[in-house]
Amino acid sequence: TKECLDGYHGRIGIYEVLTVNETIK
């Protein structure tokens, strides 16, 4: 749009959370 030329504004995280449980240990 005229307001936002590329259609993106700001950033946000994408995540993965690996819990270190007994099998991972």
PDB file of all heavy atoms in Angstrom:
ATOM      1  N   THR A   1       0.860  -1.184   0.000  1.00  0.00           N
ATOM      2  CA  THR A   1       0.000   0.000   0.000  1.00  0.00           C
ATOM      3  C   THR A   1       0.897   1.236   0.000  1.00  0.00           C
ATOM      4  O   THR A   1       2.116   1.139   0.174  1.00  0.00           O
ATOM      5  CB  THR A   1      -0.893   0.035   1.262  1.00  0.00           C
ATOM      6  OG1 THR A   1      -0.048   0.140   2.418  1.00  0.00           O
ATOM      7  CG2 THR A   1      -1.778  -1.193   1.381  1.00  0.00           C
ATOM      8  N   LYS A   2       0.271   2.409  -0.152  1.00  0.00           N
ATOM      9  CA  LYS A   2       1.038   3.659  -0.078  1.00  0.00           C
ATOM     10  C   LYS A   2       1.656   3.815   1.310  1.00  0.00           C
ATOM     11  O   LYS A   2       2.752   4.320   1.469  1.00  0.00           O
ATOM     12  CB  LYS A   2       0.140   4.862  -0.385  1.00  0.00           C
ATOM     13  CG  LYS A   2      -0.261   4.973  -1.825  1.00  0.00           C
ATOM     14  CD  LYS A   2      -1.131   6.192  -2.054  1.00  0.00           C
ATOM     15  CE  LYS A   2      -1.621   6.208  -3.490  1.00  0.00           C
ATOM     16  NZ  LYS A   2      -2.523   7.338  -3.723  1.00  0.00           N
ATOM     17  N   GLU A   3       0.908   3.357   2.308  1.00  0.00           N
ATOM     18  CA  GLU A   3       1.353   3.441   3.704  1.00  0.00           C
ATOM     19  C   GLU A   3       2.522   2.498   4.004  1.00  0.00           C
ATOM     20  O   GLU A   3       3.389   2.792   4.812  1.00  0.00           O
ATOM     21  CB  GLU A   3       0.176   3.069   4.616  1.00  0.00           C
ATOM     22  CG  GLU A   3      -0.086   4.045   5.710  1.00  0.00           C
ATOM     23  CD  GLU A   3      -1.291   3.590   6.516  1.00  0.00           C
ATOM     24  OE1 GLU A   3      -2.303   3.134   5.946  1.00  0.00           O
ATOM     25  OE2 GLU A   3      -1.188   3.700   7.740  1.00  0.00           O
ATOM     26  N   CYS A   4       2.493   1.326   3.362  1.00  0.00           N
ATOM     27  CA  CYS A   4       3.496   0.290   3.627  1.00  0.00           C
ATOM     28  C   CYS A   4       3.849  -0.366   2.287  1.00  0.00           C
ATOM     29  O   CYS A   4       3.144  -1.257   1.824  1.00  0.00           O
ATOM     30  CB  CYS A   4       2.926  -0.727   4.614  1.00  0.00           C
ATOM     31  SG  CYS A   4       4.121  -1.935   5.150  1.00  0.00           S
ATOM     32  N   LEU A   5       4.939   0.082   1.692  1.00  0.00           N
ATOM     33  CA  LEU A   5       5.278  -0.288   0.319  1.00  0.00           C
ATOM     34  C   LEU A   5       5.477  -1.778   0.080  1.00  0.00           C
ATOM     35  O   LEU A   5       5.104  -2.291  -0.973  1.00  0.00           O
ATOM     36  CB  LEU A   5       6.514   0.489  -0.144  1.00  0.00           C
ATOM     37  CG  LEU A   5       6.342   2.006  -0.188  1.00  0.00           C
ATOM     38  CD1 LEU A   5       7.642   2.681  -0.596  1.00  0.00           C
ATOM     39  CD2 LEU A   5       5.210   2.403  -1.124  1.00  0.00           C
ATOM     40  N   ASP A   6       6.089  -2.482   1.042  1.00  0.00           N
ATOM     41  CA  ASP A   6       6.322  -3.913   0.814  1.00  0.00           C
ATOM     42  C   ASP A   6       5.282  -4.808   1.489  1.00  0.00           C
ATOM     43  O   ASP A   6       5.314  -6.023   1.342  1.00  0.00           O
ATOM     44  CB  ASP A   6       7.733  -4.329   1.232  1.00  0.00           C
ATOM     45  CG  ASP A   6       7.966  -4.297   2.729  1.00  0.00           C
ATOM     46  OD1 ASP A   6       7.107  -3.793   3.475  1.00  0.00           O
ATOM     47  OD2 ASP A   6       9.033  -4.782   3.165  1.00  0.00           O
ATOM     48  N   GLY A   7       4.358  -4.208   2.238  1.00  0.00           N
ATOM     49  CA  GLY A   7       3.297  -4.984   2.883  1.00  0.00           C
ATOM     50  C   GLY A   7       3.676  -5.586   4.223  1.00  0.00           C
ATOM     51  O   GLY A   7       2.893  -6.315   4.819  1.00  0.00           O
ATOM     52  N   TYR A   8       4.895  -5.286   4.685  1.00  0.00           N
ATOM     53  CA  TYR A   8       5.356  -5.791   5.985  1.00  0.00           C
ATOM     54  C   TYR A   8       5.648  -4.601   6.897  1.00  0.00           C
ATOM     55  O   TYR A   8       6.086  -3.546   6.445  1.00  0.00           O
ATOM     56  CB  TYR A   8       6.639  -6.610   5.834  1.00  0.00           C
ATOM     57  CG  TYR A   8       6.471  -7.943   5.150  1.00  0.00           C
ATOM     58  CD1 TYR A   8       6.844  -8.119   3.823  1.00  0.00           C
ATOM     59  CD2 TYR A   8       5.950  -9.038   5.836  1.00  0.00           C
ATOM     60  CE1 TYR A   8       6.716  -9.353   3.195  1.00  0.00           C
ATOM     61  CE2 TYR A   8       5.808 -10.272   5.217  1.00  0.00           C
ATOM     62  CZ  TYR A   8       6.194 -10.418   3.891  1.00  0.00           C
ATOM     63  OH  TYR A   8       6.057 -11.636   3.287  1.00  0.00           O
ATOM     64  N   HIS A   9       5.421  -4.799   8.193  1.00  0.00           N
ATOM     65  CA  HIS A   9       5.725  -3.745   9.162  1.00  0.00           C
ATOM     66  C   HIS A   9       6.085  -4.382  10.496  1.00  0.00           C
ATOM     67  O   HIS A   9       5.252  -5.019  11.131  1.00  0.00           O
ATOM     68  CB  HIS A   9       4.513  -2.823   9.324  1.00  0.00           C
ATOM     69  CG  HIS A   9       4.808  -1.632  10.162  1.00  0.00           C
ATOM     70  ND1 HIS A   9       4.648  -1.635  11.522  1.00  0.00           N
ATOM     71  CD2 HIS A   9       5.283  -0.408   9.837  1.00  0.00           C
ATOM     72  CE1 HIS A   9       4.992  -0.461  12.003  1.00  0.00           C
ATOM     73  NE2 HIS A   9       5.389   0.307  11.007  1.00  0.00           N
ATOM     74  N   GLY A  10       7.332  -4.248  10.902  1.00  0.00           N
ATOM     75  CA  GLY A  10       7.782  -4.812  12.170  1.00  0.00           C
ATOM     76  C   GLY A  10       8.219  -6.260  12.014  1.00  0.00           C
ATOM     77  O   GLY A  10       8.210  -6.823  10.919  1.00  0.00           O
ATOM     78  N   ARG A  11       8.598  -6.847  13.139  1.00  0.00           N
ATOM     79  CA  ARG A  11       9.065  -8.239  13.153  1.00  0.00           C
ATOM     80  C   ARG A  11       8.496  -8.956  14.370  1.00  0.00           C
ATOM     81  O   ARG A  11       8.114  -8.338  15.348  1.00  0.00           O
ATOM     82  CB  ARG A  11      10.590  -8.294  13.189  1.00  0.00           C
ATOM     83  CG  ARG A  11      11.208  -7.713  11.930  1.00  0.00           C
ATOM     84  CD  ARG A  11      12.673  -8.025  11.824  1.00  0.00           C
ATOM     85  NE  ARG A  11      13.258  -7.354  10.696  1.00  0.00           N
ATOM     86  CZ  ARG A  11      13.442  -7.902   9.510  1.00  0.00           C
ATOM     87  NH1 ARG A  11      13.108  -9.149   9.296  1.00  0.00           N
ATOM     88  NH2 ARG A  11      13.970  -7.225   8.516  1.00  0.00           N
ATOM     89  N   ILE A  12       8.491 -10.271  14.262  1.00  0.00           N
ATOM     90  CA  ILE A  12       8.044 -11.127  15.364  1.00  0.00           C
ATOM     91  C   ILE A  12       8.902 -12.390  15.338  1.00  0.00           C
ATOM     92  O   ILE A  12       9.422 -12.768  14.291  1.00  0.00           O
ATOM     93  CB  ILE A  12       6.534 -11.460  15.241  1.00  0.00           C
ATOM     94  CG1 ILE A  12       6.010 -12.098  16.535  1.00  0.00           C
ATOM     95  CG2 ILE A  12       6.255 -12.320  14.018  1.00  0.00           C
ATOM     96  CD1 ILE A  12       4.500 -12.183  16.611  1.00  0.00           C
ATOM     97  N   GLY A  13       9.035 -13.036  16.471  1.00  0.00           N
ATOM     98  CA  GLY A  13       9.842 -14.247  16.544  1.00  0.00           C
ATOM     99  C   GLY A  13       9.044 -15.493  16.213  1.00  0.00           C
ATOM    100  O   GLY A  13       7.846 -15.570  16.476  1.00  0.00           O
ATOM    101  N   ILE A  14       9.737 -16.452  15.615  1.00  0.00           N
ATOM    102  CA  ILE A  14       9.228 -17.819  15.529  1.00  0.00           C
ATOM    103  C   ILE A  14      10.197 -18.641  16.375  1.00  0.00           C
ATOM    104  O   ILE A  14      11.396 -18.368  16.391  1.00  0.00           O
ATOM    105  CB  ILE A  14       9.096 -18.346  14.078  1.00  0.00           C
ATOM    106  CG1 ILE A  14      10.415 -18.275  13.324  1.00  0.00           C
ATOM    107  CG2 ILE A  14       7.987 -17.603  13.355  1.00  0.00           C
ATOM    108  CD1 ILE A  14      10.390 -18.952  11.967  1.00  0.00           C
ATOM    109  N   TYR A  15       9.681 -19.618  17.089  1.00  0.00           N
ATOM    110  CA  TYR A  15      10.476 -20.295  18.113  1.00  0.00           C
ATOM    111  C   TYR A  15      10.341 -21.807  18.064  1.00  0.00           C
ATOM    112  O   TYR A  15       9.348 -22.329  17.576  1.00  0.00           O
ATOM    113  CB  TYR A  15       9.997 -19.850  19.510  1.00  0.00           C
ATOM    114  CG  TYR A  15       9.979 -18.362  19.696  1.00  0.00           C
ATOM    115  CD1 TYR A  15       8.810 -17.632  19.495  1.00  0.00           C
ATOM    116  CD2 TYR A  15      11.125 -17.680  20.070  1.00  0.00           C
ATOM    117  CE1 TYR A  15       8.789 -16.260  19.657  1.00  0.00           C
ATOM    118  CE2 TYR A  15      11.110 -16.302  20.236  1.00  0.00           C
ATOM    119  CZ  TYR A  15       9.940 -15.601  20.025  1.00  0.00           C
ATOM    120  OH  TYR A  15       9.929 -14.231  20.186  1.00  0.00           O
ATOM    121  N   GLU A  16      11.342 -22.460  18.643  1.00  0.00           N
ATOM    122  CA  GLU A  16      11.211 -23.865  19.024  1.00  0.00           C
ATOM    123  C   GLU A  16      11.848 -23.995  20.399  1.00  0.00           C
ATOM    124  O   GLU A  16      12.872 -23.369  20.684  1.00  0.00           O
ATOM    125  CB  GLU A  16      11.811 -24.817  17.992  1.00  0.00           C
ATOM    126  CG  GLU A  16      13.289 -24.788  17.808  1.00  0.00           C
ATOM    127  CD  GLU A  16      13.741 -25.721  16.677  1.00  0.00           C
ATOM    128  OE1 GLU A  16      13.020 -25.868  15.680  1.00  0.00           O
ATOM    129  OE2 GLU A  16      14.825 -26.284  16.818  1.00  0.00           O
ATOM    130  N   VAL A  17      11.192 -24.767  21.239  1.00  0.00           N
ATOM    131  CA  VAL A  17      11.635 -24.924  22.619  1.00  0.00           C
ATOM    132  C   VAL A  17      11.907 -26.399  22.872  1.00  0.00           C
ATOM    133  O   VAL A  17      10.993 -27.220  22.822  1.00  0.00           O
ATOM    134  CB  VAL A  17      10.563 -24.398  23.610  1.00  0.00           C
ATOM    135  CG1 VAL A  17      11.025 -24.588  25.039  1.00  0.00           C
ATOM    136  CG2 VAL A  17      10.237 -22.937  23.321  1.00  0.00           C
ATOM    137  N   LEU A  18      13.172 -26.720  23.109  1.00  0.00           N
ATOM    138  CA  LEU A  18      13.579 -28.093  23.361  1.00  0.00           C
ATOM    139  C   LEU A  18      13.766 -28.258  24.870  1.00  0.00           C
ATOM    140  O   LEU A  18      14.676 -27.671  25.453  1.00  0.00           O
ATOM    141  CB  LEU A  18      14.887 -28.397  22.620  1.00  0.00           C
ATOM    142  CG  LEU A  18      15.324 -29.850  22.540  1.00  0.00           C
ATOM    143  CD1 LEU A  18      16.289 -30.036  21.379  1.00  0.00           C
ATOM    144  CD2 LEU A  18      15.929 -30.394  23.783  1.00  0.00           C
ATOM    145  N   THR A  19      12.892 -29.012  25.484  1.00  0.00           N
ATOM    146  CA  THR A  19      12.990 -29.301  26.911  1.00  0.00           C
ATOM    147  C   THR A  19      13.954 -30.470  27.099  1.00  0.00           C
ATOM    148  O   THR A  19      13.817 -31.505  26.449  1.00  0.00           O
ATOM    149  CB  THR A  19      11.608 -29.661  27.493  1.00  0.00           C
ATOM    150  OG1 THR A  19      10.716 -28.572  27.227  1.00  0.00           O
ATOM    151  CG2 THR A  19      11.684 -29.913  28.985  1.00  0.00           C
ATOM    152  N   VAL A  20      14.918 -30.287  27.983  1.00  0.00           N
ATOM    153  CA  VAL A  20      15.917 -31.331  28.220  1.00  0.00           C
ATOM    154  C   VAL A  20      15.376 -32.269  29.306  1.00  0.00           C
ATOM    155  O   VAL A  20      15.598 -32.082  30.495  1.00  0.00           O
ATOM    156  CB  VAL A  20      17.285 -30.722  28.610  1.00  0.00           C
ATOM    157  CG1 VAL A  20      18.323 -31.818  28.795  1.00  0.00           C
ATOM    158  CG2 VAL A  20      17.744 -29.739  27.541  1.00  0.00           C
ATOM    159  N   ASN A  21      14.656 -33.285  28.845  1.00  0.00           N
ATOM    160  CA  ASN A  21      14.086 -34.284  29.751  1.00  0.00           C
ATOM    161  C   ASN A  21      15.018 -35.501  29.822  1.00  0.00           C
ATOM    162  O   ASN A  21      16.124 -35.468  29.285  1.00  0.00           O
ATOM    163  CB  ASN A  21      12.676 -34.671  29.299  1.00  0.00           C
ATOM    164  CG  ASN A  21      12.665 -35.214  27.881  1.00  0.00           C
ATOM    165  OD1 ASN A  21      13.667 -35.720  27.377  1.00  0.00           O
ATOM    166  ND2 ASN A  21      11.527 -35.097  27.220  1.00  0.00           N
ATOM    167  N   GLU A  22      14.564 -36.556  30.439  1.00  0.00           N
ATOM    168  CA  GLU A  22      15.428 -37.737  30.635  1.00  0.00           C
ATOM    169  C   GLU A  22      15.899 -38.368  29.327  1.00  0.00           C
ATOM    170  O   GLU A  22      17.055 -38.752  29.204  1.00  0.00           O
ATOM    171  CB  GLU A  22      14.731 -38.780  31.513  1.00  0.00           C
ATOM    172  CG  GLU A  22      14.602 -38.369  32.974  1.00  0.00           C
ATOM    173  CD  GLU A  22      15.915 -37.951  33.632  1.00  0.00           C
ATOM    174  OE1 GLU A  22      16.931 -38.663  33.467  1.00  0.00           O
ATOM    175  OE2 GLU A  22      15.933 -36.894  34.288  1.00  0.00           O
ATOM    176  N   THR A  23      15.004 -38.487  28.346  1.00  0.00           N
ATOM    177  CA  THR A  23      15.419 -39.113  27.084  1.00  0.00           C
ATOM    178  C   THR A  23      16.435 -38.247  26.346  1.00  0.00           C
ATOM    179  O   THR A  23      17.384 -38.766  25.752  1.00  0.00           O
ATOM    180  CB  THR A  23      14.217 -39.418  26.168  1.00  0.00           C
ATOM    181  OG1 THR A  23      13.470 -38.219  25.962  1.00  0.00           O
ATOM    182  CG2 THR A  23      13.329 -40.484  26.754  1.00  0.00           C
ATOM    183  N   ILE A  24      16.258 -36.941  26.400  1.00  0.00           N
ATOM    184  CA  ILE A  24      17.215 -36.028  25.761  1.00  0.00           C
ATOM    185  C   ILE A  24      18.547 -36.078  26.508  1.00  0.00           C
ATOM    186  O   ILE A  24      19.621 -36.086  25.890  1.00  0.00           O
ATOM    187  CB  ILE A  24      16.657 -34.591  25.693  1.00  0.00           C
ATOM    188  CG1 ILE A  24      15.351 -34.544  24.878  1.00  0.00           C
ATOM    189  CG2 ILE A  24      17.700 -33.623  25.139  1.00  0.00           C
ATOM    190  CD1 ILE A  24      15.457 -34.954  23.426  1.00  0.00           C
ATOM    191  N   LYS A  25      18.497 -36.144  27.834  1.00  0.00           N
ATOM    192  CA  LYS A  25      19.731 -36.249  28.634  1.00  0.00           C
ATOM    193  C   LYS A  25      20.531 -37.494  28.241  1.00  0.00           C
ATOM    194  O   LYS A  25      21.755 -37.442  28.110  1.00  0.00           O
ATOM    195  CB  LYS A  25      19.405 -36.289  30.128  1.00  0.00           C
ATOM    196  CG  LYS A  25      18.970 -34.955  30.682  1.00  0.00           C
ATOM    197  CD  LYS A  25      18.637 -35.061  32.155  1.00  0.00           C
ATOM    198  CE  LYS A  25      18.165 -33.704  32.655  1.00  0.00           C
ATOM    199  NZ  LYS A  25      17.996 -33.650  34.092  1.00  0.00           N
TER     200      LYS A  25
END
